PDB file of N, CA and C in Angstrom:
ATOM      1  N   MET A   1      26.133  -7.245  15.705  1.00  0.00           N
ATOM      2  CA  MET A   1      24.914  -7.260  17.701  1.00  0.00           C
ATOM      3  C   MET A   1      24.369  -5.743  17.309  1.00  0.00           C
ATOM      4  N   LYS A   2      23.404  -5.943  17.708  1.00  0.00           N
ATOM      5  CA  LYS A   2      22.531  -4.964  18.289  1.00  0.00           C
ATOM      6  C   LYS A   2      22.623  -4.420  19.776  1.00  0.00           C
ATOM      7  N   PHE A   3      23.125  -3.095  19.551  1.00  0.00           N
ATOM      8  CA  PHE A   3      23.413  -2.701  20.918  1.00  0.00           C
ATOM      9  C   PHE A   3      21.350  -2.075  21.795  1.00  0.00           C
ATOM     10  N   SER A   4      21.833  -1.827  22.825  1.00  0.00           N
ATOM     11  CA  SER A   4      20.332  -2.070  23.519  1.00  0.00           C
ATOM     12  C   SER A   4      20.977  -0.960  25.052  1.00  0.00           C
ATOM     13  N   ILE A   5      19.951  -0.787  25.610  1.00  0.00           N
ATOM     14  CA  ILE A   5      20.165  -0.409  26.785  1.00  0.00           C
ATOM     15  C   ILE A   5      18.882  -1.156  27.682  1.00  0.00           C
ATOM     16  N   PHE A   6      19.097  -1.740  28.335  1.00  0.00           N
ATOM     17  CA  PHE A   6      17.872  -2.412  29.614  1.00  0.00           C
ATOM     18  C   PHE A   6      17.605  -1.600  30.545  1.00  0.00           C
ATOM     19  N   TYR A   7      16.579  -1.339  30.867  1.00  0.00           N
ATOM     20  CA  TYR A   7      15.825  -0.518  32.047  1.00  0.00           C
ATOM     21  C   TYR A   7      15.056  -1.476  33.273  1.00  0.00           C
ATOM     22  N   LEU A   8      16.113  -1.499  34.501  1.00  0.00           N
ATOM     23  CA  LEU A   8      14.812  -2.196  35.534  1.00  0.00           C
ATOM     24  C   LEU A   8      15.072  -1.616  36.408  1.00  0.00           C
ATOM     25  N   THR A   9      13.790  -1.352  37.130  1.00  0.00           N
ATOM     26  CA  THR A   9      13.571  -1.151  38.291  1.00  0.00           C
ATOM     27  C   THR A   9      13.964  -2.050  39.309  1.00  0.00           C
ATOM     28  N   CYS A  10      14.457  -1.617  40.648  1.00  0.00           N
ATOM     29  CA  CYS A  10      14.633  -2.310  41.402  1.00  0.00           C
ATOM     30  C   CYS A  10      14.214  -1.442  42.833  1.00  0.00           C
ATOM     31  N   ALA A  11      14.315  -2.974  44.373  1.00  0.00           N
ATOM     32  CA  ALA A  11      13.272  -2.005  45.702  1.00  0.00           C
ATOM     33  C   ALA A  11      14.343  -0.687  46.671  1.00  0.00           C
ATOM     34  N   SER A  12      15.996  -1.252  46.050  1.00  0.00           N
ATOM     35  CA  SER A  12      16.874  -0.981  46.824  1.00  0.00           C
ATOM     36  C   SER A  12      18.240  -0.841  45.859  1.00  0.00           C
ATOM     37  N   ASP A  13      18.814   0.363  46.572  1.00  0.00           N
ATOM     38  CA  ASP A  13      20.284   0.372  45.644  1.00  0.00           C
ATOM     39  C   ASP A  13      21.132  -1.169  46.372  1.00  0.00           C
ATOM     40  N   ASP A  14      20.802  -1.765  47.374  1.00  0.00           N
ATOM     41  CA  ASP A  14      21.184  -2.851  47.391  1.00  0.00           C
ATOM     42  C   ASP A  14      21.110  -4.147  46.588  1.00  0.00           C
ATOM     43  N   GLU A  15      20.036  -4.071  45.829  1.00  0.00           N
ATOM     44  CA  GLU A  15      19.397  -5.308  45.116  1.00  0.00           C
ATOM     45  C   GLU A  15      19.725  -5.035  43.946  1.00  0.00           C
ATOM     46  N   ALA A  16      19.916  -3.283  43.606  1.00  0.00           N
ATOM     47  CA  ALA A  16      20.630  -3.013  42.365  1.00  0.00           C
ATOM     48  C   ALA A  16      21.899  -3.357  42.098  1.00  0.00           C
ATOM     49  N   ASP A  17      22.816  -3.282  43.115  1.00  0.00           N
ATOM     50  CA  ASP A  17      24.149  -3.891  43.211  1.00  0.00           C
ATOM     51  C   ASP A  17      24.559  -5.156  42.653  1.00  0.00           C
ATOM     52  N   LYS A  18      23.702  -5.725  43.867  1.00  0.00           N
ATOM     53  CA  LYS A  18      23.423  -7.730  43.298  1.00  0.00           C
ATOM     54  C   LYS A  18      23.640  -7.966  42.025  1.00  0.00           C
ATOM     55  N   ILE A  19      21.841  -7.176  41.231  1.00  0.00           N
ATOM     56  CA  ILE A  19      21.755  -7.928  40.184  1.00  0.00           C
ATOM     57  C   ILE A  19      23.114  -7.176  39.167  1.00  0.00           C
ATOM     58  N   SER A  20      23.262  -5.766  39.367  1.00  0.00           N
ATOM     59  CA  SER A  20      24.071  -5.540  38.852  1.00  0.00           C
ATOM     60  C   SER A  20      25.602  -6.589  38.395  1.00  0.00           C
ATOM     61  N   TYR A  21      26.482  -6.532  39.781  1.00  0.00           N
ATOM     62  CA  TYR A  21      27.032  -7.464  39.910  1.00  0.00           C
ATOM     63  C   TYR A  21      27.059  -8.888  38.894  1.00  0.00           C
ATOM     64  N   VAL A  22      26.385  -9.675  39.442  1.00  0.00           N
ATOM     65  CA  VAL A  22      26.319 -10.736  38.728  1.00  0.00           C
ATOM     66  C   VAL A  22      26.123 -10.868  37.855  1.00  0.00           C
ATOM     67  N   LEU A  23      25.304  -9.574  36.352  1.00  0.00           N
ATOM     68  CA  LEU A  23      25.600  -9.869  34.995  1.00  0.00           C
ATOM     69  C   LEU A  23      26.698  -8.989  34.698  1.00  0.00           C
ATOM     70  N   LEU A  24      27.571  -8.276  35.482  1.00  0.00           N
ATOM     71  CA  LEU A  24      28.985  -7.864  34.984  1.00  0.00           C
ATOM     72  C   LEU A  24      29.673  -9.180  35.056  1.00  0.00           C
ATOM     73  N   GLU A  25      29.761  -9.830  36.122  1.00  0.00           N
ATOM     74  CA  GLU A  25      30.775 -10.929  36.168  1.00  0.00           C
ATOM     75  C   GLU A  25      30.126 -12.141  35.252  1.00  0.00           C
ATOM     76  N   LYS A  26      29.291 -12.269  34.828  1.00  0.00           N
ATOM     77  CA  LYS A  26      28.776 -13.160  33.415  1.00  0.00           C
ATOM     78  C   LYS A  26      28.919 -12.664  32.129  1.00  0.00           C
ATOM     79  N   ARG A  27      29.449 -11.272  31.772  1.00  0.00           N
ATOM     80  CA  ARG A  27      29.721 -10.873  31.146  1.00  0.00           C
ATOM     81  C   ARG A  27      28.278 -10.543  30.027  1.00  0.00           C
ATOM     82  N   LEU A  28      27.108  -9.968  30.650  1.00  0.00           N
ATOM     83  CA  LEU A  28      26.006 -10.574  30.265  1.00  0.00           C
ATOM     84  C   LEU A  28      25.407  -8.602  29.521  1.00  0.00           C
ATOM     85  N   ILE A  29      26.433  -7.818  30.219  1.00  0.00           N
ATOM     86  CA  ILE A  29      26.311  -6.718  30.113  1.00  0.00           C
ATOM     87  C   ILE A  29      27.727  -5.546  30.203  1.00  0.00           C
ATOM     88  N   ALA A  30      28.214  -4.977  29.936  1.00  0.00           N
ATOM     89  CA  ALA A  30      29.459  -3.782  29.790  1.00  0.00           C
ATOM     90  C   ALA A  30      29.082  -2.832  31.347  1.00  0.00           C
ATOM     91  N   CYS A  31      27.788  -2.508  31.297  1.00  0.00           N
ATOM     92  CA  CYS A  31      28.189  -1.194  32.280  1.00  0.00           C
ATOM     93  C   CYS A  31      26.480  -1.359  33.278  1.00  0.00           C
ATOM     94  N   ALA A  32      26.485  -1.093  33.939  1.00  0.00           N
ATOM     95  CA  ALA A  32      25.380  -0.483  34.838  1.00  0.00           C
ATOM     96  C   ALA A  32      25.651   1.003  35.585  1.00  0.00           C
ATOM     97  N   LYS A  33      24.420   1.611  35.348  1.00  0.00           N
ATOM     98  CA  LYS A  33      24.155   2.659  36.036  1.00  0.00           C
ATOM     99  C   LYS A  33      22.796   3.265  36.596  1.00  0.00           C
ATOM    100  N   LYS A  34      23.039   3.345  37.492  1.00  0.00           N
ATOM    101  CA  LYS A  34      21.584   3.710  39.078  1.00  0.00           C
ATOM    102  C   LYS A  34      21.388   5.484  39.077  1.00  0.00           C
ATOM    103  N   LEU A  35      20.377   4.847  39.257  1.00  0.00           N
ATOM    104  CA  LEU A  35      19.489   6.560  39.407  1.00  0.00           C
ATOM    105  C   LEU A  35      18.722   6.316  40.797  1.00  0.00           C
ATOM    106  N   PRO A  36      18.407   6.523  41.959  1.00  0.00           N
ATOM    107  CA  PRO A  36      17.014   6.746  42.414  1.00  0.00           C
ATOM    108  C   PRO A  36      16.202   7.942  42.102  1.00  0.00           C
ATOM    109  N   VAL A  37      14.424   6.985  41.758  1.00  0.00           N
ATOM    110  CA  VAL A  37      14.131   7.127  41.099  1.00  0.00           C
ATOM    111  C   VAL A  37      12.212   7.177  42.066  1.00  0.00           C
ATOM    112  N   GLU A  38      11.418   8.376  42.181  1.00  0.00           N
ATOM    113  CA  GLU A  38      10.194   8.349  42.644  1.00  0.00           C
ATOM    114  C   GLU A  38       9.315   7.484  41.644  1.00  0.00           C
ATOM    115  N   SER A  39       8.590   6.327  41.955  1.00  0.00           N
ATOM    116  CA  SER A  39       7.387   5.853  41.032  1.00  0.00           C
ATOM    117  C   SER A  39       6.461   6.230  41.584  1.00  0.00           C
ATOM    118  N   LEU A  40       5.415   6.448  40.473  1.00  0.00           N
ATOM    119  CA  LEU A  40       3.749   6.043  40.782  1.00  0.00           C
ATOM    120  C   LEU A  40       3.478   5.211  39.830  1.00  0.00           C
ATOM    121  N   PHE A  41       2.842   4.529  40.411  1.00  0.00           N
ATOM    122  CA  PHE A  41       2.175   3.270  39.256  1.00  0.00           C
ATOM    123  C   PHE A  41       1.095   2.210  40.194  1.00  0.00           C
ATOM    124  N   ARG A  42       0.305   1.611  39.139  1.00  0.00           N
ATOM    125  CA  ARG A  42      -1.285   1.283  39.453  1.00  0.00           C
ATOM    126  C   ARG A  42      -0.501  -0.301  39.828  1.00  0.00           C
ATOM    127  N   TRP A  43      -0.953  -1.182  41.234  1.00  0.00           N
ATOM    128  CA  TRP A  43      -0.914  -2.295  41.148  1.00  0.00           C
ATOM    129  C   TRP A  43      -1.843  -2.578  42.247  1.00  0.00           C
ATOM    130  N   LYS A  44      -2.591  -4.116  41.550  1.00  0.00           N
ATOM    131  CA  LYS A  44      -3.586  -4.724  42.198  1.00  0.00           C
ATOM    132  C   LYS A  44      -4.804  -3.510  42.196  1.00  0.00           C
ATOM    133  N   LYS A  45      -4.945  -2.822  40.918  1.00  0.00           N
ATOM    134  CA  LYS A  45      -6.251  -1.824  41.213  1.00  0.00           C
ATOM    135  C   LYS A  45      -5.943  -0.470  42.729  1.00  0.00           C
ATOM    136  N   ASN A  46      -5.075  -0.049  42.962  1.00  0.00           N
ATOM    137  CA  ASN A  46      -4.854   0.892  43.792  1.00  0.00           C
ATOM    138  C   ASN A  46      -3.688   1.363  42.798  1.00  0.00           C
ATOM    139  N   ILE A  47      -3.123   3.146  43.289  1.00  0.00           N
ATOM    140  CA  ILE A  47      -2.005   3.693  43.051  1.00  0.00           C
ATOM    141  C   ILE A  47      -0.887   4.079  44.199  1.00  0.00           C
ATOM    142  N   GLU A  48       0.323   2.934  43.688  1.00  0.00           N
ATOM    143  CA  GLU A  48       1.284   3.273  44.378  1.00  0.00           C
ATOM    144  C   GLU A  48       2.063   4.612  44.584  1.00  0.00           C
ATOM    145  N   GLU A  49       2.884   4.744  45.436  1.00  0.00           N
ATOM    146  CA  GLU A  49       4.025   5.603  45.354  1.00  0.00           C
ATOM    147  C   GLU A  49       4.781   4.783  46.063  1.00  0.00           C
ATOM    148  N   ASP A  50       6.131   4.311  45.665  1.00  0.00           N
ATOM    149  CA  ASP A  50       7.539   4.288  46.396  1.00  0.00           C
ATOM    150  C   ASP A  50       9.001   4.740  45.896  1.00  0.00           C
ATOM    151  N   GLU A  51      10.165   4.773  46.295  1.00  0.00           N
ATOM    152  CA  GLU A  51      11.313   5.152  45.905  1.00  0.00           C
ATOM    153  C   GLU A  51      11.819   4.316  45.647  1.00  0.00           C
ATOM    154  N   GLU A  52      12.420   4.006  44.461  1.00  0.00           N
ATOM    155  CA  GLU A  52      13.147   2.761  44.024  1.00  0.00           C
ATOM    156  C   GLU A  52      14.344   3.013  43.278  1.00  0.00           C
ATOM    157  N   VAL A  53      14.997   2.192  42.968  1.00  0.00           N
ATOM    158  CA  VAL A  53      16.880   2.282  41.509  1.00  0.00           C
ATOM    159  C   VAL A  53      16.339   1.978  40.232  1.00  0.00           C
ATOM    160  N   LEU A  54      16.662   2.609  39.875  1.00  0.00           N
ATOM    161  CA  LEU A  54      16.527   2.301  38.577  1.00  0.00           C
ATOM    162  C   LEU A  54      18.021   1.773  37.715  1.00  0.00           C
ATOM    163  N   VAL A  55      18.297   1.460  37.245  1.00  0.00           N
ATOM    164  CA  VAL A  55      19.113   0.544  36.658  1.00  0.00           C
ATOM    165  C   VAL A  55      19.565   0.459  34.893  1.00  0.00           C
ATOM    166  N   MET A  56      20.296   1.252  34.481  1.00  0.00           N
ATOM    167  CA  MET A  56      19.957   1.608  33.062  1.00  0.00           C
ATOM    168  C   MET A  56      21.219   0.130  32.725  1.00  0.00           C
ATOM    169  N   PHE A  57      21.255  -0.664  32.072  1.00  0.00           N
ATOM    170  CA  PHE A  57      22.455  -1.855  32.011  1.00  0.00           C
ATOM    171  C   PHE A  57      22.748  -1.497  30.170  1.00  0.00           C
ATOM    172  N   GLU A  58      24.369  -1.444  30.063  1.00  0.00           N
ATOM    173  CA  GLU A  58      24.776  -1.404  28.736  1.00  0.00           C
ATOM    174  C   GLU A  58      24.701  -2.930  27.999  1.00  0.00           C
ATOM    175  N   SER A  59      24.724  -3.055  27.113  1.00  0.00           N
ATOM    176  CA  SER A  59      24.492  -4.386  26.870  1.00  0.00           C
ATOM    177  C   SER A  59      24.496  -4.774  25.544  1.00  0.00           C
ATOM    178  N   VAL A  60      23.631  -6.157  24.705  1.00  0.00           N
ATOM    179  CA  VAL A  60      23.039  -6.643  23.296  1.00  0.00           C
ATOM    180  C   VAL A  60      21.797  -6.922  23.552  1.00  0.00           C
ATOM    181  N   GLU A  61      20.958  -6.649  22.402  1.00  0.00           N
ATOM    182  CA  GLU A  61      19.402  -7.382  22.457  1.00  0.00           C
ATOM    183  C   GLU A  61      20.072  -8.580  22.515  1.00  0.00           C
ATOM    184  N   GLU A  62      21.134  -9.458  21.842  1.00  0.00           N
ATOM    185  CA  GLU A  62      20.449 -11.331  21.882  1.00  0.00           C
ATOM    186  C   GLU A  62      21.274 -11.324  23.432  1.00  0.00           C
ATOM    187  N   ASN A  63      20.718 -10.537  24.603  1.00  0.00           N
ATOM    188  CA  ASN A  63      21.647 -11.220  25.527  1.00  0.00           C
ATOM    189  C   ASN A  63      20.269 -10.876  26.620  1.00  0.00           C
ATOM    190  N   PHE A  64      19.116 -10.118  26.273  1.00  0.00           N
ATOM    191  CA  PHE A  64      17.949  -9.646  27.071  1.00  0.00           C
ATOM    192  C   PHE A  64      17.261 -11.205  28.090  1.00  0.00           C
ATOM    193  N   ASP A  65      17.116 -12.334  26.963  1.00  0.00           N
ATOM    194  CA  ASP A  65      17.145 -13.064  27.778  1.00  0.00           C
ATOM    195  C   ASP A  65      17.116 -13.765  28.781  1.00  0.00           C
ATOM    196  N   LYS A  66      18.755 -13.917  28.701  1.00  0.00           N
ATOM    197  CA  LYS A  66      19.722 -14.246  29.568  1.00  0.00           C
ATOM    198  C   LYS A  66      20.092 -13.641  30.634  1.00  0.00           C
ATOM    199  N   VAL A  67      19.850 -12.093  30.842  1.00  0.00           N
ATOM    200  CA  VAL A  67      19.936 -11.054  31.492  1.00  0.00           C
ATOM    201  C   VAL A  67      18.479 -11.647  32.413  1.00  0.00           C
ATOM    202  N   ASN A  68      17.513 -11.372  31.641  1.00  0.00           N
ATOM    203  CA  ASN A  68      16.285 -11.740  32.243  1.00  0.00           C
ATOM    204  C   ASN A  68      15.727 -12.734  33.360  1.00  0.00           C
ATOM    205  N   SER A  69      16.925 -13.882  32.357  1.00  0.00           N
ATOM    206  CA  SER A  69      16.757 -15.220  33.218  1.00  0.00           C
ATOM    207  C   SER A  69      17.101 -14.985  34.710  1.00  0.00           C
ATOM    208  N   GLU A  70      18.833 -14.186  34.624  1.00  0.00           N
ATOM    209  CA  GLU A  70      19.486 -13.846  35.969  1.00  0.00           C
ATOM    210  C   GLU A  70      18.785 -13.165  36.733  1.00  0.00           C
ATOM    211  N   ILE A  71      17.721 -12.287  36.365  1.00  0.00           N
ATOM    212  CA  ILE A  71      17.041 -10.991  37.245  1.00  0.00           C
ATOM    213  C   ILE A  71      16.150 -11.548  37.943  1.00  0.00           C
ATOM    214  N   LYS A  72      15.179 -12.657  37.390  1.00  0.00           N
ATOM    215  CA  LYS A  72      14.280 -13.752  38.204  1.00  0.00           C
ATOM    216  C   LYS A  72      14.516 -14.192  39.305  1.00  0.00           C
ATOM    217  N   LYS A  73      16.269 -14.906  39.310  1.00  0.00           N
ATOM    218  CA  LYS A  73      16.479 -15.411  40.300  1.00  0.00           C
ATOM    219  C   LYS A  73      16.741 -14.808  41.418  1.00  0.00           C
ATOM    220  N   LEU A  74      17.220 -13.109  41.015  1.00  0.00           N
ATOM    221  CA  LEU A  74      17.416 -12.403  42.277  1.00  0.00           C
ATOM    222  C   LEU A  74      16.638 -11.102  42.479  1.00  0.00           C
ATOM    223  N   HIS A  75      15.827 -10.798  41.811  1.00  0.00           N
ATOM    224  CA  HIS A  75      14.753  -9.902  41.971  1.00  0.00           C
ATOM    225  C   HIS A  75      14.164  -9.948  43.232  1.00  0.00           C
ATOM    226  N   SER A  76      13.421  -9.378  44.014  1.00  0.00           N
ATOM    227  CA  SER A  76      12.730  -9.278  45.285  1.00  0.00           C
ATOM    228  C   SER A  76      11.163  -9.035  44.863  1.00  0.00           C
ATOM    229  N   TYR A  77      10.869  -8.222  43.515  1.00  0.00           N
ATOM    230  CA  TYR A  77       9.301  -8.048  43.277  1.00  0.00           C
ATOM    231  C   TYR A  77       8.518  -8.925  42.588  1.00  0.00           C
ATOM    232  N   GLU A  78       7.476  -9.789  43.057  1.00  0.00           N
ATOM    233  CA  GLU A  78       6.733 -10.592  42.356  1.00  0.00           C
ATOM    234  C   GLU A  78       6.515 -10.453  40.649  1.00  0.00           C
ATOM    235  N   THR A  79       6.193  -8.989  40.333  1.00  0.00           N
ATOM    236  CA  THR A  79       6.330  -8.212  39.237  1.00  0.00           C
ATOM    237  C   THR A  79       7.658  -7.073  38.790  1.00  0.00           C
ATOM    238  N   TYR A  80       8.446  -7.374  38.186  1.00  0.00           N
ATOM    239  CA  TYR A  80       9.119  -6.394  38.173  1.00  0.00           C
ATOM    240  C   TYR A  80       9.206  -5.604  36.923  1.00  0.00           C
ATOM    241  N   ILE A  81       9.394  -4.443  36.297  1.00  0.00           N
ATOM    242  CA  ILE A  81      10.177  -4.001  35.182  1.00  0.00           C
ATOM    243  C   ILE A  81      11.247  -3.751  34.329  1.00  0.00           C
ATOM    244  N   PHE A  82      11.400  -4.490  33.407  1.00  0.00           N
ATOM    245  CA  PHE A  82      12.264  -4.779  32.772  1.00  0.00           C
ATOM    246  C   PHE A  82      12.141  -4.616  31.489  1.00  0.00           C
ATOM    247  N   PHE A  83      12.705  -3.666  30.721  1.00  0.00           N
ATOM    248  CA  PHE A  83      12.480  -3.656  29.260  1.00  0.00           C
ATOM    249  C   PHE A  83      13.775  -2.925  28.158  1.00  0.00           C
ATOM    250  N   SER A  84      13.567  -3.564  26.646  1.00  0.00           N
ATOM    251  CA  SER A  84      15.075  -2.733  26.372  1.00  0.00           C
ATOM    252  C   SER A  84      14.755  -1.816  25.475  1.00  0.00           C
ATOM    253  N   VAL A  85      15.557  -0.364  25.031  1.00  0.00           N
ATOM    254  CA  VAL A  85      15.254   0.614  23.836  1.00  0.00           C
ATOM    255  C   VAL A  85      16.797  -0.058  23.240  1.00  0.00           C
ATOM    256  N   PRO A  86      16.474  -0.291  21.977  1.00  0.00           N
ATOM    257  CA  PRO A  86      17.369  -0.094  21.026  1.00  0.00           C
ATOM    258  C   PRO A  86      18.661   1.334  21.053  1.00  0.00           C
ATOM    259  N   VAL A  87      19.508   1.009  20.680  1.00  0.00           N
ATOM    260  CA  VAL A  87      20.710   1.842  20.599  1.00  0.00           C
ATOM    261  C   VAL A  87      20.543   1.919  19.247  1.00  0.00           C
ATOM    262  N   ASN A  88      20.739   3.088  18.484  1.00  0.00           N
ATOM    263  CA  ASN A  88      20.290   3.326  16.991  1.00  0.00           C
ATOM    264  C   ASN A  88      21.807   3.614  16.585  1.00  0.00           C
ATOM    265  N   ARG A  89      22.301   4.586  17.556  1.00  0.00           N
ATOM    266  CA  ARG A  89      23.864   5.162  16.915  1.00  0.00           C
ATOM    267  C   ARG A  89      24.735   5.015  18.317  1.00  0.00           C
ATOM    268  N   THR A  90      26.121   4.984  17.778  1.00  0.00           N
ATOM    269  CA  THR A  90      27.376   5.832  18.572  1.00  0.00           C
ATOM    270  C   THR A  90      28.348   5.343  18.119  1.00  0.00           C
ATOM    271  N   THR A  91      29.692   5.729  19.158  1.00  0.00           N
ATOM    272  CA  THR A  91      30.628   6.232  18.315  1.00  0.00           C
ATOM    273  C   THR A  91      31.179   4.669  18.055  1.00  0.00           C
ATOM    274  N   LYS A  92      32.714   4.201  17.410  1.00  0.00           N
ATOM    275  CA  LYS A  92      33.293   3.521  16.808  1.00  0.00           C
ATOM    276  C   LYS A  92      33.612   2.849  18.000  1.00  0.00           C
ATOM    277  N   GLU A  93      34.187   4.023  18.596  1.00  0.00           N
ATOM    278  CA  GLU A  93      35.212   3.886  20.108  1.00  0.00           C
ATOM    279  C   GLU A  93      34.328   2.900  21.235  1.00  0.00           C
ATOM    280  N   VAL A  94      32.806   3.320  21.451  1.00  0.00           N
ATOM    281  CA  VAL A  94      31.920   2.368  22.125  1.00  0.00           C
ATOM    282  C   VAL A  94      31.813   1.287  21.569  1.00  0.00           C
ATOM    283  N   GLU A  95      31.647   0.599  19.963  1.00  0.00           N
ATOM    284  CA  GLU A  95      30.629  -0.016  20.091  1.00  0.00           C
ATOM    285  C   GLU A  95      31.676  -1.582  20.340  1.00  0.00           C
ATOM    286  N   LYS A  96      33.551  -1.057  20.147  1.00  0.00           N
ATOM    287  CA  LYS A  96      34.042  -1.552  20.123  1.00  0.00           C
ATOM    288  C   LYS A  96      35.013  -1.806  21.856  1.00  0.00           C
ATOM    289  N   TRP A  97      34.538  -0.811  22.561  1.00  0.00           N
ATOM    290  CA  TRP A  97      34.558  -1.327  24.153  1.00  0.00           C
ATOM    291  C   TRP A  97      33.215  -2.237  24.208  1.00  0.00           C
ATOM    292  N   LEU A  98      32.055  -2.236  23.735  1.00  0.00           N
ATOM    293  CA  LEU A  98      31.002  -3.126  24.079  1.00  0.00           C
ATOM    294  C   LEU A  98      31.119  -4.445  23.560  1.00  0.00           C
ATOM    295  N   GLU A  99      31.714  -4.317  22.320  1.00  0.00           N
ATOM    296  CA  GLU A  99      32.178  -6.198  22.061  1.00  0.00           C
ATOM    297  C   GLU A  99      33.222  -6.676  22.663  1.00  0.00           C
ATOM    298  N   THR A 100      34.087  -6.055  23.122  1.00  0.00           N
ATOM    299  CA  THR A 100      35.449  -6.347  23.930  1.00  0.00           C
ATOM    300  C   THR A 100      34.958  -7.066  24.960  1.00  0.00           C
ATOM    301  N   GLU A 101      33.682  -5.853  25.926  1.00  0.00           N
ATOM    302  CA  GLU A 101      33.649  -6.270  27.144  1.00  0.00           C
ATOM    303  C   GLU A 101      32.622  -7.349  27.554  1.00  0.00           C
ATOM    304  N   LEU A 102      31.838  -7.726  26.090  1.00  0.00           N
ATOM    305  CA  LEU A 102      30.634  -8.606  26.071  1.00  0.00           C
ATOM    306  C   LEU A 102      31.592 -10.439  26.042  1.00  0.00           C
ATOM    307  N   LYS A 103      32.410 -10.101  24.981  1.00  0.00           N
ATOM    308  CA  LYS A 103      33.241 -11.495  24.654  1.00  0.00           C
ATOM    309  C   LYS A 103      33.475 -12.442  26.242  1.00  0.00           C
ATOM    310  N   LYS A 104      32.833 -13.547  25.886  1.00  0.00           N
ATOM    311  CA  LYS A 104      33.060 -14.545  27.112  1.00  0.00           C
ATOM    312  C   LYS A 104      34.828 -15.565  26.696  1.00  0.00           C
TER     313      LYS A 104
END
């Protein structure tokens, strides 16, 4: 298993919660952490600014496509930001917890 942190920006806290609960129930992630963020970004040739919620999902790289498939069903954005960052090292306790929580 290759542990990863998936990052997703959402339009609201409610949207972040809705997506997180579905992913947790399907055991595609072990944990979701949310942070309010102010985003500046280019969109359709303009510079935009908005308040969003950044969600960090603790999971495994093998679940990326399944997680993305669920996000597509629930996310409000035309184009959402979703990417994976590999976890190079962690403790044995965290490894055991992730393996246990992601088992179906």
